[in-house]
Amino acid sequence: MPNQDAFVITPASGEAEEALVALADGHGSAKSFRSEVGSRLAVEAAHTVLGPLLEPRCDRPDPSALRDMAEERFPREIVREWRRLVDEDLAARPFDEGEWERLSGREGASARQAVEQNPYHAYGATLLAALLLRDLHLYLQIGDGDIVAVGADGAAWRPVPGDVRLLANATTSLARNDAWRDFRRAHALPPSLPDLLLLATDGYANSFAEDAGFLQVASDIHGMASGGEWDEVAAGLGGWLTDASSQGSGDDVTAAVVTRPVERRLRRSRRAPWLHLRCKCPVRRV
């Protein structure tokens, strides 16, 4: 199967301290047979809605207003834009009989009926998004996957609240009706902005027998970055993800790491203070 993960990293123009990072994970179910496209459209939708806030000429609302917008407006706009992009793709490439036959063969006629009633199921995906501004971090999430923050003391935690519906392989999705209501949100303000963020699709955390082991990865990366070993992180992350997939979950694994551009961390590195790798795929920036 194709890698059904997608990502976008958008640094602010002329401002290394701000960026948008978005990851999407297409569902692996038979009904979501175009989810590798759906995940790509999900990160494009996040970029379209949130990316303009990074522009130098943007009349950016204050942090309080942005937090209010994250409660409803941003999720609604992301879902609306994702559906618009899906509609465009479906108009250009209607479902063909081969796709219908494979779906019916795997899950029966009822699965075809479900997709006919809601074609967005075919493109189903989850989404993680972090809008990182100098005076505010906004985190948005629908479905599984992880956003992990690490403080100056190396302690790691998940800032976004959990969802009791995410059991086993079940997940909320952009394809659901009223999907914007399923978004979970969190924010951070100075002086409590984390030193480092790790965003990862669910295949990474699922590779660990215990959750503490996964959180320790973020703490260890923070320690390396704090010690000026950013190049070592960049060189090693691809292998870590491949190991996590091949020896652990068996799922697509995508991770993004972002550090605050503190001089003591970057003085020995020529790399930008963000990186993004996924299994067997090259680094890409948008």
C-alpha atoms as a PDB file:
ATOM      1  CA  MET A   1       0.000   0.000   0.000  1.00  0.00           C
ATOM      2  CA  PRO A   2       1.198   3.564  -0.495  1.00  0.00           C
ATOM      3  CA  ASN A   3       2.342   5.615   2.465  1.00  0.00           C
ATOM      4  CA  GLN A   4      -0.894   7.290   3.506  1.00  0.00           C
ATOM      5  CA  ASP A   5       0.739   9.985   5.659  1.00  0.00           C
ATOM      6  CA  ALA A   6       1.268  13.560   4.494  1.00  0.00           C
ATOM      7  CA  PHE A   7       2.821  16.672   5.957  1.00  0.00           C
ATOM      8  CA  VAL A   8       3.480  20.348   5.416  1.00  0.00           C
ATOM      9  CA  ILE A   9       5.947  22.660   7.140  1.00  0.00           C
ATOM     10  CA  THR A  10       5.476  26.360   6.475  1.00  0.00           C
ATOM     11  CA  PRO A  11       8.054  28.710   7.989  1.00  0.00           C
ATOM     12  CA  ALA A  12       7.063  32.334   8.304  1.00  0.00           C
ATOM     13  CA  SER A  13       8.538  34.633   5.693  1.00  0.00           C
ATOM     14  CA  GLY A  14      11.704  36.130   7.132  1.00  0.00           C
ATOM     15  CA  GLU A  15      10.865  34.985  10.665  1.00  0.00           C
ATOM     16  CA  ALA A  16      12.522  31.742  11.771  1.00  0.00           C
ATOM     17  CA  GLU A  17      10.729  31.807  15.114  1.00  0.00           C
ATOM     18  CA  GLU A  18       7.303  31.104  13.612  1.00  0.00           C
ATOM     19  CA  ALA A  19       5.988  28.189  11.594  1.00  0.00           C
ATOM     20  CA  LEU A  20       3.018  25.982  10.815  1.00  0.00           C
ATOM     21  CA  VAL A  21       3.470  22.216  11.076  1.00  0.00           C
ATOM     22  CA  ALA A  22       0.696  19.864   9.961  1.00  0.00           C
ATOM     23  CA  LEU A  23       0.603  16.059   9.712  1.00  0.00           C
ATOM     24  CA  ALA A  24      -2.212  13.896   8.378  1.00  0.00           C
ATOM     25  CA  ASP A  25      -2.705  10.146   8.461  1.00  0.00           C
ATOM     26  CA  GLY A  26      -4.990   8.524   5.919  1.00  0.00           C
ATOM     27  CA  HIS A  27      -7.157   5.699   7.225  1.00  0.00           C
ATOM     28  CA  GLY A  28      -6.083   2.216   6.221  1.00  0.00           C
ATOM     29  CA  SER A  29      -9.599   0.816   6.050  1.00  0.00           C
ATOM     30  CA  ALA A  30     -11.115  -0.558   2.864  1.00  0.00           C
ATOM     31  CA  LYS A  31     -13.679   2.259   2.733  1.00  0.00           C
ATOM     32  CA  SER A  32     -10.906   4.871   2.717  1.00  0.00           C
ATOM     33  CA  PHE A  33      -9.371   3.700  -0.543  1.00  0.00           C
ATOM     34  CA  ARG A  34      -8.241   7.220  -1.500  1.00  0.00           C
ATOM     35  CA  SER A  35      -6.913   8.181   1.908  1.00  0.00           C
ATOM     36  CA  GLU A  36      -3.382   8.860   0.657  1.00  0.00           C
ATOM     37  CA  VAL A  37      -5.000  11.694  -1.332  1.00  0.00           C
ATOM     38  CA  GLY A  38      -7.225  12.678   1.579  1.00  0.00           C
ATOM     39  CA  SER A  39      -4.236  13.104   3.894  1.00  0.00           C
ATOM     40  CA  ARG A  40      -2.454  15.310   1.382  1.00  0.00           C
ATOM     41  CA  LEU A  41      -5.557  17.453   0.995  1.00  0.00           C
ATOM     42  CA  ALA A  42      -5.860  17.661   4.799  1.00  0.00           C
ATOM     43  CA  VAL A  43      -2.461  19.301   5.242  1.00  0.00           C
ATOM     44  CA  GLU A  44      -3.188  21.567   2.277  1.00  0.00           C
ATOM     45  CA  ALA A  45      -6.409  22.650   3.977  1.00  0.00           C
ATOM     46  CA  ALA A  46      -4.552  23.386   7.222  1.00  0.00           C
ATOM     47  CA  HIS A  47      -1.999  25.410   5.273  1.00  0.00           C
ATOM     48  CA  THR A  48      -4.726  27.379   3.470  1.00  0.00           C
ATOM     49  CA  VAL A  49      -6.568  28.251   6.692  1.00  0.00           C
ATOM     50  CA  LEU A  50      -3.670  28.829   9.110  1.00  0.00           C
ATOM     51  CA  GLY A  51      -0.758  29.694   6.841  1.00  0.00           C
ATOM     52  CA  PRO A  52      -1.847  33.302   6.160  1.00  0.00           C
ATOM     53  CA  LEU A  53      -1.334  34.088   9.857  1.00  0.00           C
ATOM     54  CA  LEU A  54       2.409  33.748   9.229  1.00  0.00           C
ATOM     55  CA  GLU A  55       2.490  36.419   6.552  1.00  0.00           C
ATOM     56  CA  PRO A  56       4.251  39.660   7.576  1.00  0.00           C
ATOM     57  CA  ARG A  57       1.415  41.774   6.177  1.00  0.00           C
ATOM     58  CA  CYS A  58      -1.274  39.798   7.986  1.00  0.00           C
ATOM     59  CA  ASP A  59      -3.430  41.849  10.330  1.00  0.00           C
ATOM     60  CA  ARG A  60      -3.104  39.149  12.959  1.00  0.00           C
ATOM     61  CA  PRO A  61      -5.644  39.069  15.788  1.00  0.00           C
ATOM     62  CA  ASP A  62      -4.298  39.159  19.327  1.00  0.00           C
ATOM     63  CA  PRO A  63      -3.635  35.870  21.153  1.00  0.00           C
ATOM     64  CA  SER A  64      -6.948  35.958  22.975  1.00  0.00           C
ATOM     65  CA  ALA A  65      -8.877  36.313  19.720  1.00  0.00           C
ATOM     66  CA  LEU A  66      -6.845  33.546  18.089  1.00  0.00           C
ATOM     67  CA  ARG A  67      -7.661  31.206  20.951  1.00  0.00           C
ATOM     68  CA  ASP A  68     -11.343  31.972  20.464  1.00  0.00           C
ATOM     69  CA  MET A  69     -11.028  31.331  16.715  1.00  0.00           C
ATOM     70  CA  ALA A  70      -9.453  27.929  17.430  1.00  0.00           C
ATOM     71  CA  GLU A  71     -12.578  26.866  19.309  1.00  0.00           C
ATOM     72  CA  GLU A  72     -14.825  26.808  16.256  1.00  0.00           C
ATOM     73  CA  ARG A  73     -13.791  28.988  13.336  1.00  0.00           C
ATOM     74  CA  PHE A  74     -10.489  27.297  12.445  1.00  0.00           C
ATOM     75  CA  PRO A  75     -11.862  23.726  12.682  1.00  0.00           C
ATOM     76  CA  ARG A  76     -14.902  24.674  10.615  1.00  0.00           C
ATOM     77  CA  GLU A  77     -12.748  26.343   7.963  1.00  0.00           C
ATOM     78  CA  ILE A  78     -10.279  23.450   7.794  1.00  0.00           C
ATOM     79  CA  VAL A  79     -13.066  20.901   7.344  1.00  0.00           C
ATOM     80  CA  ARG A  80     -14.810  23.100   4.786  1.00  0.00           C
ATOM     81  CA  GLU A  81     -11.605  23.572   2.792  1.00  0.00           C
ATOM     82  CA  TRP A  82     -10.765  19.861   2.960  1.00  0.00           C
ATOM     83  CA  ARG A  83     -14.192  18.956   1.634  1.00  0.00           C
ATOM     84  CA  ARG A  84     -13.847  21.505  -1.151  1.00  0.00           C
ATOM     85  CA  LEU A  85     -10.546  19.964  -2.195  1.00  0.00           C
ATOM     86  CA  VAL A  86     -12.021  16.466  -2.033  1.00  0.00           C
ATOM     87  CA  ASP A  87     -14.955  17.581  -4.184  1.00  0.00           C
ATOM     88  CA  GLU A  88     -12.502  18.947  -6.760  1.00  0.00           C
ATOM     89  CA  ASP A  89     -10.518  15.721  -6.822  1.00  0.00           C
ATOM     90  CA  LEU A  90     -13.642  13.602  -7.106  1.00  0.00           C
ATOM     91  CA  ALA A  91     -14.995  15.734  -9.941  1.00  0.00           C
ATOM     92  CA  ALA A  92     -11.717  15.296 -11.810  1.00  0.00           C
ATOM     93  CA  ARG A  93     -11.425  11.566 -10.984  1.00  0.00           C
ATOM     94  CA  PRO A  94     -14.800   9.929 -10.318  1.00  0.00           C
ATOM     95  CA  PHE A  95     -14.729   6.574  -8.565  1.00  0.00           C
ATOM     96  CA  ASP A  96     -14.190   3.823 -11.124  1.00  0.00           C
ATOM     97  CA  GLU A  97     -15.533   0.280 -11.241  1.00  0.00           C
ATOM     98  CA  GLY A  98     -12.191  -1.135 -10.186  1.00  0.00           C
ATOM     99  CA  GLU A  99     -12.332   0.820  -6.930  1.00  0.00           C
ATOM    100  CA  TRP A 100     -15.925  -0.227  -6.320  1.00  0.00           C
ATOM    101  CA  GLU A 101     -15.145  -3.889  -7.008  1.00  0.00           C
ATOM    102  CA  ARG A 102     -12.185  -3.931  -4.635  1.00  0.00           C
ATOM    103  CA  LEU A 103     -14.261  -2.282  -1.908  1.00  0.00           C
ATOM    104  CA  SER A 104     -17.203  -4.660  -2.351  1.00  0.00           C
ATOM    105  CA  GLY A 105     -14.869  -7.633  -2.469  1.00  0.00           C
ATOM    106  CA  ARG A 106     -13.272  -6.686   0.854  1.00  0.00           C
ATOM    107  CA  GLU A 107     -16.269  -5.429   2.840  1.00  0.00           C
ATOM    108  CA  GLY A 108     -19.402  -6.215   0.860  1.00  0.00           C
ATOM    109  CA  ALA A 109     -22.137  -4.179  -0.773  1.00  0.00           C
ATOM    110  CA  SER A 110     -22.937  -2.268   2.416  1.00  0.00           C
ATOM    111  CA  ALA A 111     -19.491  -0.644   2.330  1.00  0.00           C
ATOM    112  CA  ARG A 112     -20.124   0.622  -1.185  1.00  0.00           C
ATOM    113  CA  GLN A 113     -23.463   2.013  -0.088  1.00  0.00           C
ATOM    114  CA  ALA A 114     -21.786   3.838   2.809  1.00  0.00           C
ATOM    115  CA  VAL A 115     -19.260   5.506   0.484  1.00  0.00           C
ATOM    116  CA  GLU A 116     -21.958   6.359  -2.054  1.00  0.00           C
ATOM    117  CA  GLN A 117     -23.890   8.097   0.717  1.00  0.00           C
ATOM    118  CA  ASN A 118     -20.785   9.857   2.054  1.00  0.00           C
ATOM    119  CA  PRO A 119     -17.953   9.899  -0.523  1.00  0.00           C
ATOM    120  CA  TYR A 120     -15.666  11.667   1.956  1.00  0.00           C
ATOM    121  CA  HIS A 121     -15.174   8.266   3.616  1.00  0.00           C
ATOM    122  CA  ALA A 122     -12.983   7.283   0.665  1.00  0.00           C
ATOM    123  CA  TYR A 123     -10.603  10.148   1.524  1.00  0.00           C
ATOM    124  CA  GLY A 124     -10.764   9.771   5.313  1.00  0.00           C
ATOM    125  CA  ALA A 125      -7.830  11.133   7.314  1.00  0.00           C
ATOM    126  CA  THR A 126      -6.810  12.483  10.681  1.00  0.00           C
ATOM    127  CA  LEU A 127      -4.977  15.771  11.205  1.00  0.00           C
ATOM    128  CA  LEU A 128      -2.471  17.298  13.631  1.00  0.00           C
ATOM    129  CA  ALA A 129      -1.638  20.989  13.309  1.00  0.00           C
ATOM    130  CA  ALA A 130       0.593  23.288  15.348  1.00  0.00           C
ATOM    131  CA  LEU A 131       0.614  27.024  14.644  1.00  0.00           C
ATOM    132  CA  LEU A 132       3.750  28.319  16.345  1.00  0.00           C
ATOM    133  CA  LEU A 133       3.807  32.084  16.843  1.00  0.00           C
ATOM    134  CA  ARG A 134       6.152  34.124  18.995  1.00  0.00           C
ATOM    135  CA  ASP A 135       3.432  34.971  21.483  1.00  0.00           C
ATOM    136  CA  LEU A 136       1.154  31.928  21.126  1.00  0.00           C
ATOM    137  CA  HIS A 137       1.144  28.241  20.214  1.00  0.00           C
ATOM    138  CA  LEU A 138      -2.114  26.779  18.928  1.00  0.00           C
ATOM    139  CA  TYR A 139      -2.537  23.009  18.681  1.00  0.00           C
ATOM    140  CA  LEU A 140      -5.420  21.412  16.762  1.00  0.00           C
ATOM    141  CA  GLN A 141      -6.073  17.692  16.438  1.00  0.00           C
ATOM    142  CA  ILE A 142      -8.741  15.424  15.032  1.00  0.00           C
ATOM    143  CA  GLY A 143      -8.277  11.703  15.349  1.00  0.00           C
ATOM    144  CA  ASP A 144      -5.299   9.776  16.655  1.00  0.00           C
ATOM    145  CA  GLY A 145      -1.627  10.718  16.524  1.00  0.00           C
ATOM    146  CA  ASP A 146       0.382  12.680  19.045  1.00  0.00           C
ATOM    147  CA  ILE A 147       1.543  16.197  19.819  1.00  0.00           C
ATOM    148  CA  VAL A 148       4.208  16.062  22.529  1.00  0.00           C
ATOM    149  CA  ALA A 149       5.673  19.142  24.208  1.00  0.00           C
ATOM    150  CA  VAL A 150       8.968  19.207  26.110  1.00  0.00           C
ATOM    151  CA  GLY A 151       9.821  21.879  28.668  1.00  0.00           C
ATOM    152  CA  ALA A 152      13.182  23.360  29.562  1.00  0.00           C
ATOM    153  CA  ASP A 153      13.612  20.696  32.264  1.00  0.00           C
ATOM    154  CA  GLY A 154      13.225  17.888  29.704  1.00  0.00           C
ATOM    155  CA  ALA A 155       9.813  16.774  30.958  1.00  0.00           C
ATOM    156  CA  ALA A 156       7.474  15.672  28.153  1.00  0.00           C
ATOM    157  CA  TRP A 157       3.685  15.827  28.075  1.00  0.00           C
ATOM    158  CA  ARG A 158       0.760  15.903  25.650  1.00  0.00           C
ATOM    159  CA  PRO A 159      -0.828  19.368  25.647  1.00  0.00           C
ATOM    160  CA  VAL A 160      -3.914  18.284  23.683  1.00  0.00           C
ATOM    161  CA  PRO A 161      -6.590  16.476  25.717  1.00  0.00           C
ATOM    162  CA  GLY A 162      -7.294  12.854  24.873  1.00  0.00           C
ATOM    163  CA  ASP A 163     -10.434  11.387  23.333  1.00  0.00           C
ATOM    164  CA  VAL A 164     -12.026   8.324  24.950  1.00  0.00           C
ATOM    165  CA  ARG A 165     -13.396   7.258  21.562  1.00  0.00           C
ATOM    166  CA  LEU A 166      -9.912   6.476  20.226  1.00  0.00           C
ATOM    167  CA  LEU A 167      -9.805   2.802  21.180  1.00  0.00           C
ATOM    168  CA  ALA A 168      -7.904   0.082  19.280  1.00  0.00           C
ATOM    169  CA  ASN A 169      -8.036   1.153  15.606  1.00  0.00           C
ATOM    170  CA  ALA A 170     -11.063   3.408  15.996  1.00  0.00           C
ATOM    171  CA  THR A 171     -10.545   7.098  15.327  1.00  0.00           C
ATOM    172  CA  THR A 172     -12.462  10.256  14.607  1.00  0.00           C
ATOM    173  CA  SER A 173     -12.004  11.576  11.080  1.00  0.00           C
ATOM    174  CA  LEU A 174     -12.300  14.543   8.778  1.00  0.00           C
ATOM    175  CA  ALA A 175     -14.802  12.424   6.847  1.00  0.00           C
ATOM    176  CA  ARG A 176     -17.364  12.395   9.661  1.00  0.00           C
ATOM    177  CA  ASN A 177     -20.432  14.596   9.544  1.00  0.00           C
ATOM    178  CA  ASP A 178     -19.821  17.707  11.659  1.00  0.00           C
ATOM    179  CA  ALA A 179     -16.145  16.719  11.855  1.00  0.00           C
ATOM    180  CA  TRP A 180     -15.213  20.156  13.172  1.00  0.00           C
ATOM    181  CA  ARG A 181     -16.869  19.215  16.472  1.00  0.00           C
ATOM    182  CA  ASP A 182     -14.348  16.378  16.910  1.00  0.00           C
ATOM    183  CA  PHE A 183     -11.340  18.706  16.949  1.00  0.00           C
ATOM    184  CA  ARG A 184      -9.445  18.932  20.242  1.00  0.00           C
ATOM    185  CA  ARG A 185      -7.549  22.088  21.022  1.00  0.00           C
ATOM    186  CA  ALA A 186      -4.844  23.447  23.280  1.00  0.00           C
ATOM    187  CA  HIS A 187      -2.626  26.505  23.467  1.00  0.00           C
ATOM    188  CA  ALA A 188       0.493  27.775  25.196  1.00  0.00           C
ATOM    189  CA  LEU A 189       1.519  31.330  26.015  1.00  0.00           C
ATOM    190  CA  PRO A 190       4.834  32.877  27.097  1.00  0.00           C
ATOM    191  CA  PRO A 191       6.597  32.154  29.348  1.00  0.00           C
ATOM    192  CA  SER A 192       5.208  28.612  29.133  1.00  0.00           C
ATOM    193  CA  LEU A 193       6.021  27.923  25.486  1.00  0.00           C
ATOM    194  CA  PRO A 194       7.698  24.503  25.236  1.00  0.00           C
ATOM    195  CA  ASP A 195      11.319  24.187  24.186  1.00  0.00           C
ATOM    196  CA  LEU A 196      10.535  21.408  21.717  1.00  0.00           C
ATOM    197  CA  LEU A 197       7.548  19.826  19.995  1.00  0.00           C
ATOM    198  CA  LEU A 198       7.265  16.355  18.519  1.00  0.00           C
ATOM    199  CA  LEU A 199       4.301  15.698  16.241  1.00  0.00           C
ATOM    200  CA  ALA A 200       3.803  12.113  15.084  1.00  0.00           C
ATOM    201  CA  THR A 201       1.224   9.949  13.384  1.00  0.00           C
ATOM    202  CA  ASP A 202      -0.107   7.127  15.535  1.00  0.00           C
ATOM    203  CA  GLY A 203       2.286   4.520  14.173  1.00  0.00           C
ATOM    204  CA  TYR A 204       5.106   6.014  16.241  1.00  0.00           C
ATOM    205  CA  ALA A 205       3.541   5.834  19.716  1.00  0.00           C
ATOM    206  CA  ASN A 206       2.001   2.460  18.888  1.00  0.00           C
ATOM    207  CA  SER A 207       5.501   1.067  18.396  1.00  0.00           C
ATOM    208  CA  PHE A 208       6.191   1.267  22.132  1.00  0.00           C
ATOM    209  CA  ALA A 209       5.016  -1.245  24.707  1.00  0.00           C
ATOM    210  CA  GLU A 210       4.507   1.573  27.205  1.00  0.00           C
ATOM    211  CA  ASP A 211       3.601   5.199  26.651  1.00  0.00           C
ATOM    212  CA  ALA A 212       6.442   6.349  28.897  1.00  0.00           C
ATOM    213  CA  GLY A 213       8.915   5.005  26.349  1.00  0.00           C
ATOM    214  CA  PHE A 214       7.409   7.123  23.596  1.00  0.00           C
ATOM    215  CA  LEU A 215       7.444  10.276  25.730  1.00  0.00           C
ATOM    216  CA  GLN A 216      11.073   9.546  26.591  1.00  0.00           C
ATOM    217  CA  VAL A 217      11.927   9.797  22.888  1.00  0.00           C
ATOM    218  CA  ALA A 218      10.811  13.439  22.902  1.00  0.00           C
ATOM    219  CA  SER A 219      12.811  14.107  26.064  1.00  0.00           C
ATOM    220  CA  ASP A 220      15.897  12.452  24.555  1.00  0.00           C
ATOM    221  CA  ILE A 221      15.606  14.515  21.370  1.00  0.00           C
ATOM    222  CA  HIS A 222      15.297  17.620  23.520  1.00  0.00           C
ATOM    223  CA  GLY A 223      18.483  16.667  25.336  1.00  0.00           C
ATOM    224  CA  MET A 224      20.339  16.197  22.052  1.00  0.00           C
ATOM    225  CA  ALA A 225      19.082  19.496  20.650  1.00  0.00           C
ATOM    226  CA  SER A 226      19.955  21.315  23.872  1.00  0.00           C
ATOM    227  CA  GLY A 227      23.468  19.909  23.649  1.00  0.00           C
ATOM    228  CA  GLY A 228      23.986  21.230  20.126  1.00  0.00           C
ATOM    229  CA  GLU A 229      23.414  17.827  18.494  1.00  0.00           C
ATOM    230  CA  TRP A 230      20.694  18.931  16.088  1.00  0.00           C
ATOM    231  CA  ASP A 231      22.525  17.458  13.104  1.00  0.00           C
ATOM    232  CA  GLU A 232      22.621  14.105  14.876  1.00  0.00           C
ATOM    233  CA  VAL A 233      18.867  14.273  15.411  1.00  0.00           C
ATOM    234  CA  ALA A 234      18.327  15.066  11.735  1.00  0.00           C
ATOM    235  CA  ALA A 235      20.627  12.234  10.669  1.00  0.00           C
ATOM    236  CA  GLY A 236      19.088   9.683  13.026  1.00  0.00           C
ATOM    237  CA  LEU A 237      15.368  10.383  12.883  1.00  0.00           C
ATOM    238  CA  GLY A 238      14.724   8.560   9.607  1.00  0.00           C
ATOM    239  CA  GLY A 239      16.268   5.387  10.980  1.00  0.00           C
ATOM    240  CA  TRP A 240      14.352   5.687  14.257  1.00  0.00           C
ATOM    241  CA  LEU A 241      11.072   5.932  12.350  1.00  0.00           C
ATOM    242  CA  THR A 242      11.918   2.990  10.116  1.00  0.00           C
ATOM    243  CA  ASP A 243      12.753   0.883  13.173  1.00  0.00           C
ATOM    244  CA  ALA A 244       9.519   1.954  14.853  1.00  0.00           C
ATOM    245  CA  SER A 245       7.515   0.816  11.844  1.00  0.00           C
ATOM    246  CA  SER A 246       9.370  -2.391  10.974  1.00  0.00           C
ATOM    247  CA  GLN A 247       9.935  -3.624  14.528  1.00  0.00           C
ATOM    248  CA  GLY A 248       6.867  -2.128  16.187  1.00  0.00           C
ATOM    249  CA  SER A 249       3.540  -0.986  14.796  1.00  0.00           C
ATOM    250  CA  GLY A 250       4.026  -1.920  11.137  1.00  0.00           C
ATOM    251  CA  ASP A 251       2.157   1.285  10.299  1.00  0.00           C
ATOM    252  CA  ASP A 252       3.224   4.325   8.322  1.00  0.00           C
ATOM    253  CA  VAL A 253       5.253   6.513  10.672  1.00  0.00           C
ATOM    254  CA  THR A 254       5.725  10.258  10.205  1.00  0.00           C
ATOM    255  CA  ALA A 255       7.231  12.675  12.707  1.00  0.00           C
ATOM    256  CA  ALA A 256       8.050  16.365  12.855  1.00  0.00           C
ATOM    257  CA  VAL A 257      10.411  17.895  15.395  1.00  0.00           C
ATOM    258  CA  VAL A 258      10.475  21.630  16.092  1.00  0.00           C
ATOM    259  CA  THR A 259      12.789  23.430  18.497  1.00  0.00           C
ATOM    260  CA  ARG A 260      12.746  27.016  19.630  1.00  0.00           C
ATOM    261  CA  PRO A 261      15.735  28.785  18.021  1.00  0.00           C
ATOM    262  CA  VAL A 262      17.688  29.276  21.215  1.00  0.00           C
ATOM    263  CA  GLU A 263      21.261  30.238  20.355  1.00  0.00           C
ATOM    264  CA  ARG A 264      22.800  27.672  22.660  1.00  0.00           C
ATOM    265  CA  ARG A 265      21.037  24.899  20.738  1.00  0.00           C
ATOM    266  CA  LEU A 266      21.805  26.057  17.234  1.00  0.00           C
ATOM    267  CA  ARG A 267      25.267  27.541  17.461  1.00  0.00           C
ATOM    268  CA  ARG A 268      26.869  24.281  16.334  1.00  0.00           C
ATOM    269  CA  SER A 269      24.297  23.442  13.671  1.00  0.00           C
ATOM    270  CA  ARG A 270      23.698  24.746  10.173  1.00  0.00           C
ATOM    271  CA  ARG A 271      20.227  23.228   9.949  1.00  0.00           C
ATOM    272  CA  ALA A 272      16.952  25.072  10.358  1.00  0.00           C
ATOM    273  CA  PRO A 273      15.222  24.632  13.742  1.00  0.00           C
ATOM    274  CA  TRP A 274      12.669  22.209  12.319  1.00  0.00           C
ATOM    275  CA  LEU A 275      12.867  18.942  10.500  1.00  0.00           C
ATOM    276  CA  HIS A 276      10.430  16.396   9.213  1.00  0.00           C
ATOM    277  CA  LEU A 277      10.993  12.844   8.057  1.00  0.00           C
ATOM    278  CA  ARG A 278       8.843   9.856   7.304  1.00  0.00           C
ATOM    279  CA  CYS A 279       9.732   6.269   6.572  1.00  0.00           C
ATOM    280  CA  LYS A 280      11.552   5.794   3.251  1.00  0.00           C
ATOM    281  CA  CYS A 281      10.565   9.266   2.055  1.00  0.00           C
ATOM    282  CA  PRO A 282      12.679  12.389   1.493  1.00  0.00           C
ATOM    283  CA  VAL A 283      12.493  15.582   3.470  1.00  0.00           C
ATOM    284  CA  ARG A 284      10.159  18.122   1.899  1.00  0.00           C
ATOM    285  CA  ARG A 285       9.325  21.662   2.861  1.00  0.00           C
ATOM    286  CA  VAL A 286       6.396  23.705   1.585  1.00  0.00           C
END
